[in-house]
C-alpha atoms as a PDB file:
ATOM      1  CA  MET A   1     -11.270 -20.056  27.320  1.00  0.00           C
ATOM      2  CA  THR A   2     -14.979 -20.215  26.598  1.00  0.00           C
ATOM      3  CA  THR A   3     -17.230 -17.404  25.480  1.00  0.00           C
ATOM      4  CA  ALA A   4     -20.820 -16.635  26.315  1.00  0.00           C
ATOM      5  CA  ASP A   5     -21.981 -17.587  22.844  1.00  0.00           C
ATOM      6  CA  GLY A   6     -19.969 -20.823  22.807  1.00  0.00           C
ATOM      7  CA  PRO A   7     -22.984 -23.087  23.464  1.00  0.00           C
ATOM      8  CA  HIS A   8     -24.966 -21.278  20.779  1.00  0.00           C
ATOM      9  CA  ARG A   9     -22.187 -21.798  18.236  1.00  0.00           C
ATOM     10  CA  ALA A  10     -21.949 -25.466  19.167  1.00  0.00           C
ATOM     11  CA  HIS A  11     -25.706 -25.866  18.777  1.00  0.00           C
ATOM     12  CA  ALA A  12     -25.654 -24.146  15.372  1.00  0.00           C
ATOM     13  CA  TRP A  13     -22.785 -26.366  14.218  1.00  0.00           C
ATOM     14  CA  THR A  14     -24.611 -29.514  15.361  1.00  0.00           C
ATOM     15  CA  ALA A  15     -27.806 -28.424  13.639  1.00  0.00           C
ATOM     16  CA  ALA A  16     -25.906 -27.747  10.414  1.00  0.00           C
ATOM     17  CA  VAL A  17     -24.289 -31.192  10.486  1.00  0.00           C
ATOM     18  CA  ARG A  18     -27.646 -32.875  11.089  1.00  0.00           C
ATOM     19  CA  GLN A  19     -29.195 -30.937   8.244  1.00  0.00           C
ATOM     20  CA  ARG A  20     -26.460 -32.014   5.847  1.00  0.00           C
ATOM     21  CA  LEU A  21     -26.664 -35.644   6.908  1.00  0.00           C
ATOM     22  CA  SER A  22     -30.435 -35.599   6.474  1.00  0.00           C
ATOM     23  CA  LEU A  23     -29.958 -35.065   2.738  1.00  0.00           C
ATOM     24  CA  GLY A  24     -28.779 -38.648   2.374  1.00  0.00           C
ATOM     25  CA  ARG A  25     -26.684 -39.630  -0.609  1.00  0.00           C
ATOM     26  CA  LEU A  26     -26.124 -37.084  -3.374  1.00  0.00           C
ATOM     27  CA  LEU A  27     -27.391 -38.920  -6.455  1.00  0.00           C
ATOM     28  CA  PRO A  28     -26.425 -38.156 -10.056  1.00  0.00           C
ATOM     29  CA  LEU A  29     -29.092 -36.716 -12.335  1.00  0.00           C
ATOM     30  CA  GLY A  30     -28.660 -37.700 -15.952  1.00  0.00           C
ATOM     31  CA  GLY A  31     -25.198 -38.657 -17.190  1.00  0.00           C
ATOM     32  CA  PRO A  32     -21.554 -37.661 -16.694  1.00  0.00           C
ATOM     33  CA  ALA A  33     -21.877 -34.474 -18.776  1.00  0.00           C
ATOM     34  CA  ASP A  34     -25.026 -33.157 -17.067  1.00  0.00           C
ATOM     35  CA  GLY A  35     -23.268 -31.818 -13.963  1.00  0.00           C
ATOM     36  CA  ALA A  36     -26.340 -32.307 -11.788  1.00  0.00           C
ATOM     37  CA  TRP A  37     -27.055 -34.099  -8.539  1.00  0.00           C
ATOM     38  CA  ILE A  38     -30.074 -34.485  -6.272  1.00  0.00           C
ATOM     39  CA  ALA A  39     -30.262 -35.287  -2.573  1.00  0.00           C
ATOM     40  CA  GLU A  40     -31.555 -38.781  -1.884  1.00  0.00           C
ATOM     41  CA  ARG A  41     -34.102 -37.299   0.532  1.00  0.00           C
ATOM     42  CA  ALA A  42     -35.545 -35.152  -2.243  1.00  0.00           C
ATOM     43  CA  ALA A  43     -35.583 -37.995  -4.769  1.00  0.00           C
ATOM     44  CA  VAL A  44     -37.252 -40.393  -2.341  1.00  0.00           C
ATOM     45  CA  ALA A  45     -39.873 -37.757  -1.552  1.00  0.00           C
ATOM     46  CA  VAL A  46     -40.849 -37.493  -5.214  1.00  0.00           C
ATOM     47  CA  LEU A  47     -40.960 -41.256  -5.704  1.00  0.00           C
ATOM     48  CA  ARG A  48     -42.954 -41.793  -2.529  1.00  0.00           C
ATOM     49  CA  ARG A  49     -45.634 -39.345  -3.594  1.00  0.00           C
ATOM     50  CA  ALA A  50     -45.679 -40.731  -7.143  1.00  0.00           C
ATOM     51  CA  VAL A  51     -46.650 -44.216  -5.960  1.00  0.00           C
ATOM     52  CA  TYR A  52     -48.961 -43.100  -3.146  1.00  0.00           C
ATOM     53  CA  ASP A  53     -52.495 -44.372  -3.669  1.00  0.00           C
ATOM     54  CA  PRO A  54     -55.022 -43.592  -0.932  1.00  0.00           C
ATOM     55  CA  ALA A  55     -57.496 -46.162  -2.250  1.00  0.00           C
ATOM     56  CA  ALA A  56     -55.601 -49.298  -3.174  1.00  0.00           C
ATOM     57  CA  GLY A  57     -52.322 -50.904  -4.061  1.00  0.00           C
ATOM     58  CA  PRO A  58     -49.228 -51.830  -2.049  1.00  0.00           C
ATOM     59  CA  VAL A  59     -47.895 -49.603   0.702  1.00  0.00           C
ATOM     60  CA  LEU A  60     -44.335 -48.445   0.114  1.00  0.00           C
ATOM     61  CA  GLY A  61     -42.012 -48.927   3.076  1.00  0.00           C
ATOM     62  CA  GLU A  62     -38.287 -48.206   3.076  1.00  0.00           C
ATOM     63  CA  LEU A  63     -36.742 -46.730  -0.047  1.00  0.00           C
ATOM     64  CA  ARG A  64     -33.034 -46.319  -0.755  1.00  0.00           C
ATOM     65  CA  ILE A  65     -31.151 -45.302  -3.892  1.00  0.00           C
ATOM     66  CA  ALA A  66     -27.487 -45.879  -4.733  1.00  0.00           C
ATOM     67  CA  VAL A  67     -25.194 -46.381  -7.725  1.00  0.00           C
ATOM     68  CA  ALA A  68     -25.755 -49.896  -9.062  1.00  0.00           C
ATOM     69  CA  ASP A  69     -22.072 -50.580  -9.813  1.00  0.00           C
ATOM     70  CA  PRO A  70     -19.746 -47.944  -8.307  1.00  0.00           C
ATOM     71  CA  ASP A  71     -16.628 -49.664  -9.664  1.00  0.00           C
ATOM     72  CA  SER A  72     -17.710 -49.201 -13.286  1.00  0.00           C
ATOM     73  CA  ALA A  73     -19.365 -45.791 -12.928  1.00  0.00           C
ATOM     74  CA  PRO A  74     -17.782 -43.114 -15.158  1.00  0.00           C
ATOM     75  CA  ALA A  75     -16.177 -40.002 -13.733  1.00  0.00           C
ATOM     76  CA  ALA A  76     -18.196 -36.804 -13.719  1.00  0.00           C
ATOM     77  CA  GLN A  77     -17.198 -34.231 -16.323  1.00  0.00           C
ATOM     78  CA  VAL A  78     -18.104 -31.453 -13.865  1.00  0.00           C
ATOM     79  CA  PRO A  79     -16.606 -31.116 -10.362  1.00  0.00           C
ATOM     80  CA  PRO A  80     -19.153 -32.832  -8.084  1.00  0.00           C
ATOM     81  CA  PRO A  81     -20.386 -31.649  -4.676  1.00  0.00           C
ATOM     82  CA  PRO A  82     -18.546 -33.125  -1.674  1.00  0.00           C
ATOM     83  CA  SER A  83     -19.221 -36.880  -1.238  1.00  0.00           C
ATOM     84  CA  ALA A  84     -21.497 -36.994  -4.298  1.00  0.00           C
ATOM     85  CA  LEU A  85     -21.939 -40.358  -6.009  1.00  0.00           C
ATOM     86  CA  PRO A  86     -20.435 -40.867  -9.480  1.00  0.00           C
ATOM     87  CA  PRO A  87     -22.831 -40.513 -12.426  1.00  0.00           C
ATOM     88  CA  GLY A  88     -23.458 -44.194 -13.052  1.00  0.00           C
ATOM     89  CA  PRO A  89     -26.775 -46.046 -13.410  1.00  0.00           C
ATOM     90  CA  LEU A  90     -28.659 -46.321 -10.113  1.00  0.00           C
ATOM     91  CA  ARG A  91     -30.294 -49.096  -8.126  1.00  0.00           C
ATOM     92  CA  ILE A  92     -33.519 -48.540  -6.178  1.00  0.00           C
ATOM     93  CA  GLU A  93     -34.234 -50.802  -3.221  1.00  0.00           C
ATOM     94  CA  ALA A  94     -37.750 -50.716  -1.778  1.00  0.00           C
ATOM     95  CA  THR A  95     -39.870 -52.646   0.671  1.00  0.00           C
ATOM     96  CA  MET A  96     -43.640 -52.945   0.461  1.00  0.00           C
ATOM     97  CA  THR A  97     -46.621 -54.232   2.396  1.00  0.00           C
ATOM     98  CA  ALA A  98     -49.110 -55.981   0.135  1.00  0.00           C
ATOM     99  CA  THR A  99     -52.764 -56.890   0.488  1.00  0.00           C
ATOM    100  CA  ALA A 100     -54.190 -60.380   0.055  1.00  0.00           C
ATOM    101  CA  ASP A 101     -56.516 -59.390  -2.795  1.00  0.00           C
ATOM    102  CA  ARG A 102     -53.703 -59.299  -5.362  1.00  0.00           C
ATOM    103  CA  PRO A 103     -50.973 -61.809  -6.245  1.00  0.00           C
ATOM    104  CA  LEU A 104     -47.657 -60.768  -4.713  1.00  0.00           C
ATOM    105  CA  PRO A 105     -45.635 -60.954  -7.960  1.00  0.00           C
ATOM    106  CA  ALA A 106     -48.153 -58.694  -9.730  1.00  0.00           C
ATOM    107  CA  ALA A 107     -48.201 -56.191  -6.855  1.00  0.00           C
ATOM    108  CA  ALA A 108     -44.417 -56.074  -6.668  1.00  0.00           C
ATOM    109  CA  GLU A 109     -44.090 -55.663 -10.426  1.00  0.00           C
ATOM    110  CA  ALA A 110     -46.639 -52.823 -10.451  1.00  0.00           C
ATOM    111  CA  LEU A 111     -44.706 -50.975  -7.760  1.00  0.00           C
ATOM    112  CA  ARG A 112     -41.417 -51.618  -9.556  1.00  0.00           C
ATOM    113  CA  ALA A 113     -42.806 -50.196 -12.785  1.00  0.00           C
ATOM    114  CA  ALA A 114     -44.244 -47.137 -11.020  1.00  0.00           C
ATOM    115  CA  LEU A 115     -40.929 -46.364  -9.329  1.00  0.00           C
ATOM    116  CA  LEU A 116     -38.985 -46.798 -12.546  1.00  0.00           C
ATOM    117  CA  SER A 117     -41.361 -44.532 -14.468  1.00  0.00           C
ATOM    118  CA  ALA A 118     -41.413 -41.809 -11.803  1.00  0.00           C
ATOM    119  CA  ALA A 119     -37.625 -41.830 -11.505  1.00  0.00           C
ATOM    120  CA  ALA A 120     -37.274 -41.098 -15.215  1.00  0.00           C
ATOM    121  CA  ARG A 121     -40.259 -38.806 -15.836  1.00  0.00           C
ATOM    122  CA  ARG A 122     -40.268 -36.714 -12.677  1.00  0.00           C
ATOM    123  CA  LEU A 123     -36.579 -36.593 -11.833  1.00  0.00           C
ATOM    124  CA  GLY A 124     -34.308 -37.681 -14.664  1.00  0.00           C
ATOM    125  CA  LEU A 125     -32.583 -40.460 -12.719  1.00  0.00           C
ATOM    126  CA  VAL A 126     -30.908 -43.164 -14.799  1.00  0.00           C
ATOM    127  CA  VAL A 127     -32.068 -46.353 -13.059  1.00  0.00           C
ATOM    128  CA  ALA A 128     -30.694 -49.767 -14.023  1.00  0.00           C
ATOM    129  CA  GLU A 129     -32.369 -51.873 -11.334  1.00  0.00           C
ATOM    130  CA  VAL A 130     -35.404 -51.721  -9.039  1.00  0.00           C
ATOM    131  CA  ASP A 131     -35.469 -54.308  -6.289  1.00  0.00           C
ATOM    132  CA  VAL A 132     -38.798 -54.636  -4.458  1.00  0.00           C
ATOM    133  CA  ARG A 133     -39.025 -56.832  -1.354  1.00  0.00           C
ATOM    134  CA  VAL A 134     -42.369 -57.758   0.248  1.00  0.00           C
ATOM    135  CA  THR A 135     -42.105 -57.430   4.035  1.00  0.00           C
ATOM    136  CA  GLY A 136     -45.738 -57.807   5.060  1.00  0.00           C
ATOM    137  CA  LEU A 137     -49.151 -59.068   3.989  1.00  0.00           C
ATOM    138  CA  LEU A 138     -52.425 -57.548   5.210  1.00  0.00           C
ATOM    139  CA  ASP A 139     -55.867 -59.143   5.199  1.00  0.00           C
ATOM    140  CA  GLY A 140     -57.733 -55.870   4.848  1.00  0.00           C
ATOM    141  CA  ALA A 141     -57.143 -52.380   3.558  1.00  0.00           C
ATOM    142  CA  PRO A 142     -53.987 -50.850   5.036  1.00  0.00           C
ATOM    143  CA  GLU A 143     -53.961 -47.533   6.843  1.00  0.00           C
ATOM    144  CA  ARG A 144     -52.614 -44.874   4.515  1.00  0.00           C
ATOM    145  CA  VAL A 145     -51.116 -41.587   5.588  1.00  0.00           C
ATOM    146  CA  GLU A 146     -50.644 -38.981   2.896  1.00  0.00           C
ATOM    147  CA  PRO A 147     -47.043 -37.736   2.763  1.00  0.00           C
ATOM    148  CA  GLU A 148     -46.502 -34.216   4.047  1.00  0.00           C
ATOM    149  CA  PRO A 149     -45.010 -31.546   1.774  1.00  0.00           C
ATOM    150  CA  VAL A 150     -41.337 -30.659   2.071  1.00  0.00           C
ATOM    151  CA  GLU A 151     -40.406 -27.390   3.724  1.00  0.00           C
ATOM    152  CA  VAL A 152     -37.961 -25.369   1.642  1.00  0.00           C
ATOM    153  CA  ARG A 153     -35.829 -22.738   3.354  1.00  0.00           C
ATOM    154  CA  PRO A 154     -34.815 -20.257   0.669  1.00  0.00           C
ATOM    155  CA  ALA A 155     -31.448 -18.535   0.496  1.00  0.00           C
ATOM    156  CA  ALA A 156     -30.978 -15.068  -0.956  1.00  0.00           C
ATOM    157  CA  ALA A 157     -29.755 -14.618  -4.529  1.00  0.00           C
ATOM    158  CA  GLU A 158     -26.955 -12.202  -3.675  1.00  0.00           C
ATOM    159  CA  ASP A 159     -25.142 -11.910  -7.019  1.00  0.00           C
ATOM    160  CA  ALA A 160     -25.718 -12.135 -10.748  1.00  0.00           C
ATOM    161  CA  VAL A 161     -25.087 -15.876 -10.773  1.00  0.00           C
ATOM    162  CA  GLY A 162     -27.651 -16.492  -8.048  1.00  0.00           C
ATOM    163  CA  ARG A 163     -30.210 -14.235  -9.690  1.00  0.00           C
ATOM    164  CA  ALA A 164     -29.751 -15.995 -13.028  1.00  0.00           C
ATOM    165  CA  ALA A 165     -30.269 -19.387 -11.391  1.00  0.00           C
ATOM    166  CA  ALA A 166     -33.277 -18.246  -9.367  1.00  0.00           C
ATOM    167  CA  SER A 167     -34.981 -16.830 -12.470  1.00  0.00           C
ATOM    168  CA  VAL A 168     -35.081 -20.175 -14.300  1.00  0.00           C
ATOM    169  CA  THR A 169     -38.533 -21.702 -14.713  1.00  0.00           C
ATOM    170  CA  GLY A 170     -38.938 -24.608 -12.322  1.00  0.00           C
ATOM    171  CA  VAL A 171     -36.610 -23.240  -9.638  1.00  0.00           C
ATOM    172  CA  ALA A 172     -38.531 -22.832  -6.383  1.00  0.00           C
ATOM    173  CA  ALA A 173     -35.672 -21.202  -4.462  1.00  0.00           C
ATOM    174  CA  LEU A 174     -31.965 -21.218  -3.918  1.00  0.00           C
ATOM    175  CA  THR A 175     -30.958 -23.172  -0.804  1.00  0.00           C
ATOM    176  CA  GLY A 176     -27.891 -23.288   1.410  1.00  0.00           C
ATOM    177  CA  VAL A 177     -27.744 -26.680   3.097  1.00  0.00           C
ATOM    178  CA  LEU A 178     -24.118 -27.480   2.224  1.00  0.00           C
ATOM    179  CA  GLY A 179     -22.958 -23.890   2.468  1.00  0.00           C
ATOM    180  CA  PRO A 180     -23.627 -20.825   0.312  1.00  0.00           C
ATOM    181  CA  ALA A 181     -26.277 -21.276  -2.346  1.00  0.00           C
ATOM    182  CA  VAL A 182     -23.713 -20.096  -4.895  1.00  0.00           C
ATOM    183  CA  ARG A 183     -20.188 -21.384  -4.365  1.00  0.00           C
ATOM    184  CA  THR A 184     -17.673 -20.064  -6.872  1.00  0.00           C
ATOM    185  CA  GLY A 185     -14.339 -21.842  -7.179  1.00  0.00           C
ATOM    186  CA  GLU A 186     -11.322 -21.112  -9.331  1.00  0.00           C
ATOM    187  CA  ASP A 187     -12.524 -23.343 -12.127  1.00  0.00           C
ATOM    188  CA  HIS A 188     -16.250 -23.898 -11.584  1.00  0.00           C
ATOM    189  CA  VAL A 189     -19.381 -22.729  -9.823  1.00  0.00           C
ATOM    190  CA  ARG A 190     -21.881 -24.808  -7.840  1.00  0.00           C
ATOM    191  CA  ILE A 191     -25.526 -23.822  -7.440  1.00  0.00           C
ATOM    192  CA  GLU A 192     -27.698 -25.313  -4.708  1.00  0.00           C
ATOM    193  CA  LEU A 193     -31.456 -25.058  -5.151  1.00  0.00           C
ATOM    194  CA  ALA A 194     -34.926 -26.514  -4.777  1.00  0.00           C
ATOM    195  CA  THR A 195     -37.077 -27.269  -7.799  1.00  0.00           C
ATOM    196  CA  ARG A 196     -40.836 -26.997  -8.122  1.00  0.00           C
ATOM    197  CA  GLY A 197     -43.034 -30.070  -8.194  1.00  0.00           C
ATOM    198  CA  GLY A 198     -44.245 -30.775 -11.702  1.00  0.00           C
ATOM    199  CA  HIS A 199     -40.915 -29.823 -13.275  1.00  0.00           C
ATOM    200  CA  ARG A 200     -38.448 -32.588 -14.115  1.00  0.00           C
ATOM    201  CA  ALA A 201     -35.439 -31.984 -11.907  1.00  0.00           C
ATOM    202  CA  LEU A 202     -32.869 -32.801 -14.592  1.00  0.00           C
ATOM    203  CA  ASP A 203     -34.460 -30.405 -17.071  1.00  0.00           C
ATOM    204  CA  VAL A 204     -34.416 -27.614 -14.492  1.00  0.00           C
ATOM    205  CA  ALA A 205     -30.773 -28.318 -13.645  1.00  0.00           C
ATOM    206  CA  ARG A 206     -29.795 -28.198 -17.299  1.00  0.00           C
ATOM    207  CA  ALA A 207     -31.604 -24.883 -17.746  1.00  0.00           C
ATOM    208  CA  VAL A 208     -29.869 -23.459 -14.663  1.00  0.00           C
ATOM    209  CA  ARG A 209     -26.460 -24.522 -15.960  1.00  0.00           C
ATOM    210  CA  GLU A 210     -27.176 -22.804 -19.274  1.00  0.00           C
ATOM    211  CA  ALA A 211     -28.401 -19.624 -17.581  1.00  0.00           C
ATOM    212  CA  VAL A 212     -25.450 -19.411 -15.198  1.00  0.00           C
ATOM    213  CA  ALA A 213     -22.901 -20.115 -17.930  1.00  0.00           C
ATOM    214  CA  GLY A 214     -24.106 -16.989 -19.710  1.00  0.00           C
ATOM    215  CA  VAL A 215     -23.414 -14.700 -16.752  1.00  0.00           C
ATOM    216  CA  PRO A 216     -20.046 -12.864 -16.939  1.00  0.00           C
ATOM    217  CA  GLU A 217     -19.412 -13.499 -13.230  1.00  0.00           C
ATOM    218  CA  GLY A 218     -20.038 -17.211 -13.668  1.00  0.00           C
ATOM    219  CA  ARG A 219     -17.454 -19.945 -14.057  1.00  0.00           C
ATOM    220  CA  GLU A 220     -17.527 -22.968 -16.278  1.00  0.00           C
ATOM    221  CA  PRO A 221     -18.231 -25.742 -15.714  1.00  0.00           C
ATOM    222  CA  VAL A 222     -21.400 -25.344 -13.649  1.00  0.00           C
ATOM    223  CA  ALA A 223     -22.625 -27.953 -11.159  1.00  0.00           C
ATOM    224  CA  VAL A 224     -26.183 -28.007  -9.808  1.00  0.00           C
ATOM    225  CA  LEU A 225     -27.324 -29.688  -6.587  1.00  0.00           C
ATOM    226  CA  VAL A 226     -31.064 -30.126  -6.011  1.00  0.00           C
ATOM    227  CA  THR A 227     -31.687 -30.388  -2.265  1.00  0.00           C
ATOM    228  CA  ALA A 228     -35.496 -30.416  -2.307  1.00  0.00           C
ATOM    229  CA  VAL A 229     -38.540 -30.552  -4.563  1.00  0.00           C
ATOM    230  CA  SER A 230     -41.274 -28.259  -3.310  1.00  0.00           C
ATOM    231  CA  GLY A 231     -44.736 -29.746  -3.047  1.00  0.00           C
ATOM    232  CA  GLU A 232     -43.379 -33.275  -2.596  1.00  0.00           C
ATOM    233  CA  SER A 233     -43.279 -35.432   0.503  1.00  0.00           C
ATOM    234  CA  PRO A 234     -40.320 -35.907   2.836  1.00  0.00           C
ATOM    235  CA  ALA A 235     -38.478 -39.196   2.806  1.00  0.00           C
ATOM    236  CA  GLY A 236     -39.408 -41.679   5.449  1.00  0.00           C
END
């Protein structure tokens, strides 16, 4: 038997699945004891804006991030979100379009260094390798389109745990992409949120874990999932 709202429920379910898949991989922030992850889409957005130069330099193309050696990655000391990658060193793979006014090795190395620096300073990703591949060469100045800011859909902080997390400096909003913004299990609690641009994601996650651990209704250990960084560009 079908109901009148059956198509609406199906549409909502499909939209939810697409939204979850759009996050990409769930990448570890910091090390095994940090209990923090960030959506690949959010991480790529930060890196893309960090290396964007409207005047000169190579144009970043595709950008993917994964664990460099999954077989040797240590186990997380905090229960991870579903399908999250283990907290091992990461590998960044990027493509770029270069201009003829600069030697290709120098252009690729400059982009590699910028990505490595941004990953550590802006996010807190532990990156072991950055692989840059040149896929095009332009005679003149390339057309540059400034990345658009990410839209963050906030979720309500409905309990003491959520309010404690939302009050931490650097938290833009709680989010609910993978389910409730605050998911409390028998032995741990997971907080899903967006951070503010200009605040290192790992530092914010650590502060949230500390704040939530001090709430009587909280559970230890605490896991944090960053699904977006406000003020940064979407992945492309």
